[in-house]
Amino acid sequence: MESRLKVLGHPVHPMLVMFPVGLLATAVLFDLVDTVGGPDFLGEVAYWNITVGLVGGLLAAAAGTFDLLAIPSGTRAKRVALTHAAANVAVILLFAAIWAVRLNADSRAAGGALIAIEVVALAILGVSAWLGGELVDRLGVGVDREAGLDAPSSLRPPAATRRIGEV
């Protein structure tokens, strides 16, 4: 199944997801380093990484919605895509809450509770990124018209292969 939203023949959603994933992951890393005694400016940088990561995440979500709506119902690809989308919504909501708390705080630095929420959100983001890879690499969503929308999970071993000499 080909993507409905392309630029110069390439699907837009995969082009956009790398920015929020990288920015949000880096924000968590900077907050962890800031908390254990790193330079004070890291909390501020992490806050701005979250800000830009949220904007990028919303843009990626908008592009991903085009592909999600094109996936036929009743397929494994649709189920995986809905789980991927729900996980991403959870990540955006968690980081948006963290951003709102930090926006109104005296300091942009994160404390222990906020970092714990960031780590949970980052774990969900990791699972969601894997699901996105499953959609593209295993199920061919957004890539190929003739993709196998009901292909089995890449975590399952391949079907038994024939031994050399067997017919």
Protein backbone atom coordinates (compact mmCIF):
# COMPACT_ATOMS: atom_id res chain seq x y z
CA MET A 1 0.00 0.00 0.00
CA GLU A 2 1.47 3.34 -1.02
CA SER A 3 1.36 6.43 1.15
CA ARG A 4 -1.27 9.00 0.25
CA LEU A 5 0.95 11.88 1.34
CA LYS A 6 4.24 12.07 -0.56
CA VAL A 7 6.89 14.61 -1.46
CA LEU A 8 8.95 13.86 -4.56
CA GLY A 9 7.69 10.28 -4.48
CA HIS A 10 8.62 9.60 -0.83
CA PRO A 11 6.16 9.18 2.06
CA VAL A 12 6.10 12.23 4.37
CA HIS A 13 5.32 10.53 7.69
CA PRO A 14 8.60 8.56 7.95
CA MET A 15 10.51 11.73 7.04
CA LEU A 16 8.94 13.63 9.93
CA VAL A 17 9.10 11.09 12.78
CA MET A 18 12.86 11.20 13.26
CA PHE A 19 12.77 14.77 14.57
CA PRO A 20 10.35 14.35 17.49
CA VAL A 21 11.86 10.97 18.41
CA GLY A 22 15.37 12.43 18.51
CA LEU A 23 14.36 15.64 20.27
CA LEU A 24 12.28 13.94 22.96
CA ALA A 25 14.90 11.25 23.61
CA THR A 26 17.61 13.90 23.87
CA ALA A 27 15.44 15.95 26.23
CA VAL A 28 15.18 13.00 28.62
CA LEU A 29 18.94 12.44 28.43
CA PHE A 30 19.64 16.13 29.12
CA ASP A 31 17.24 16.14 32.07
CA LEU A 32 18.89 13.04 33.52
CA VAL A 33 22.35 14.61 33.20
CA ASP A 34 21.06 17.90 34.64
CA THR A 35 19.56 16.08 37.62
CA VAL A 36 22.77 14.25 38.52
CA GLY A 37 24.78 17.47 38.56
CA GLY A 38 25.41 18.37 34.95
CA PRO A 39 25.52 21.94 33.66
CA ASP A 40 22.49 24.05 34.64
CA PHE A 41 21.66 24.99 31.05
CA LEU A 42 20.75 21.37 30.17
CA GLY A 43 17.33 21.68 31.86
CA GLU A 44 16.55 24.70 29.68
CA VAL A 45 17.76 22.93 26.54
CA ALA A 46 15.67 19.87 27.44
CA TYR A 47 12.59 22.09 27.82
CA TRP A 48 13.09 23.54 24.35
CA ASN A 49 13.75 20.09 22.90
CA ILE A 50 10.38 19.04 24.30
CA THR A 51 8.75 22.16 22.82
CA VAL A 52 10.08 21.52 19.33
CA GLY A 53 9.57 17.75 19.70
CA LEU A 54 5.88 18.33 20.44
CA VAL A 55 5.46 20.52 17.35
CA GLY A 56 7.26 17.92 15.23
CA GLY A 57 5.20 15.13 16.80
CA LEU A 58 1.96 16.88 15.89
CA LEU A 59 3.15 17.35 12.30
CA ALA A 60 4.20 13.69 12.09
CA ALA A 61 0.83 12.64 13.53
CA ALA A 62 -1.03 14.67 10.93
CA ALA A 63 0.97 13.05 8.13
CA GLY A 64 0.56 9.59 9.68
CA THR A 65 -3.20 10.02 9.84
CA PHE A 66 -3.34 10.07 6.04
CA ASP A 67 -1.69 6.66 5.89
CA LEU A 68 -3.71 5.27 8.82
CA LEU A 69 -7.00 6.11 7.14
CA ALA A 70 -5.90 4.35 3.94
CA ILE A 71 -5.14 1.00 5.60
CA PRO A 72 -7.95 -1.48 4.97
CA SER A 73 -9.99 -2.48 8.02
CA GLY A 74 -9.69 -6.02 9.33
CA THR A 75 -5.99 -6.32 8.50
CA ARG A 76 -3.10 -6.86 10.88
CA ALA A 77 -1.65 -3.62 9.51
CA LYS A 78 -4.71 -1.68 10.71
CA ARG A 79 -4.45 -3.19 14.20
CA VAL A 80 -0.73 -2.41 14.44
CA ALA A 81 -1.30 1.11 13.06
CA LEU A 82 -4.03 1.85 15.60
CA THR A 83 -1.78 0.67 18.44
CA HIS A 84 1.08 2.77 17.02
CA ALA A 85 -1.19 5.83 16.83
CA ALA A 86 -2.58 5.34 20.35
CA ALA A 87 0.92 4.99 21.79
CA ASN A 88 2.00 8.18 20.03
CA VAL A 89 -1.01 10.08 21.36
CA ALA A 90 -0.06 8.92 24.87
CA VAL A 91 3.53 10.11 24.34
CA ILE A 92 2.39 13.51 23.06
CA LEU A 93 -0.02 13.93 25.99
CA LEU A 94 2.62 12.95 28.57
CA PHE A 95 5.26 15.28 27.14
CA ALA A 96 2.66 18.06 26.75
CA ALA A 97 1.84 17.74 30.45
CA ILE A 98 5.54 17.89 31.32
CA TRP A 99 5.92 20.92 29.06
CA ALA A 100 2.96 22.70 30.69
CA VAL A 101 4.33 22.11 34.20
CA ARG A 102 7.74 23.43 33.18
CA LEU A 103 6.25 26.39 31.32
CA ASN A 104 4.70 27.75 34.51
CA ALA A 105 7.58 26.84 36.84
CA ASP A 106 10.25 29.20 38.13
CA SER A 107 12.89 26.95 36.61
CA ARG A 108 12.75 24.98 33.35
CA ALA A 109 14.62 22.11 35.04
CA ALA A 110 12.79 18.85 35.63
CA GLY A 111 12.51 17.20 39.01
CA GLY A 112 12.33 13.53 39.93
CA ALA A 113 8.62 13.04 39.21
CA LEU A 114 8.81 14.75 35.83
CA ILE A 115 11.84 12.69 34.84
CA ALA A 116 10.01 9.51 35.86
CA ILE A 117 7.14 10.50 33.56
CA GLU A 118 9.63 11.31 30.80
CA VAL A 119 11.22 7.87 31.11
CA VAL A 120 7.81 6.18 30.90
CA ALA A 121 6.90 8.31 27.87
CA LEU A 122 10.23 7.47 26.25
CA ALA A 123 9.64 3.75 26.81
CA ILE A 124 6.22 4.04 25.15
CA LEU A 125 7.84 5.98 22.32
CA GLY A 126 10.35 3.17 21.84
CA VAL A 127 7.57 0.59 21.55
CA SER A 128 5.68 2.87 19.17
CA ALA A 129 8.77 3.39 17.02
CA TRP A 130 9.18 -0.39 16.80
CA LEU A 131 5.52 -0.68 15.74
CA GLY A 132 6.13 1.98 13.08
CA GLY A 133 9.07 -0.03 11.80
CA GLU A 134 6.87 -3.12 11.75
CA LEU A 135 4.33 -1.24 9.64
CA VAL A 136 6.88 -0.08 7.10
CA ASP A 137 9.48 -2.83 7.02
CA ARG A 138 7.34 -5.89 7.62
CA LEU A 139 3.91 -4.88 6.35
CA GLY A 140 5.00 -2.42 3.66
CA VAL A 141 2.54 0.27 4.71
CA GLY A 142 3.23 3.53 2.94
CA VAL A 143 5.77 1.88 0.69
CA ASP A 144 4.37 -0.62 -1.76
CA ARG A 145 0.98 -1.10 -3.38
CA GLU A 146 1.34 -4.86 -3.21
CA ALA A 147 2.39 -5.02 0.45
CA GLY A 148 1.32 -7.97 2.52
CA LEU A 149 -1.07 -6.27 4.93
CA ASP A 150 -1.53 -9.50 6.86
CA ALA A 151 2.13 -10.52 7.05
CA PRO A 152 3.04 -12.14 10.40
CA SER A 153 5.06 -10.31 13.04
CA SER A 154 8.78 -10.01 12.46
CA LEU A 155 9.24 -11.39 15.99
CA ARG A 156 7.89 -14.77 14.92
CA PRO A 157 10.39 -17.21 13.45
CA PRO A 158 10.00 -17.83 9.73
CA ALA A 159 8.17 -20.91 8.58
CA ALA A 160 10.23 -24.08 8.60
CA THR A 161 12.66 -24.02 5.74
CA ARG A 162 13.50 -27.00 3.61
CA ARG A 163 16.73 -28.79 4.29
CA ILE A 164 19.35 -29.05 1.60
CA GLY A 165 18.53 -31.95 -0.70
CA GLU A 166 14.80 -32.01 0.20
CA VAL A 167 12.22 -31.31 -2.43
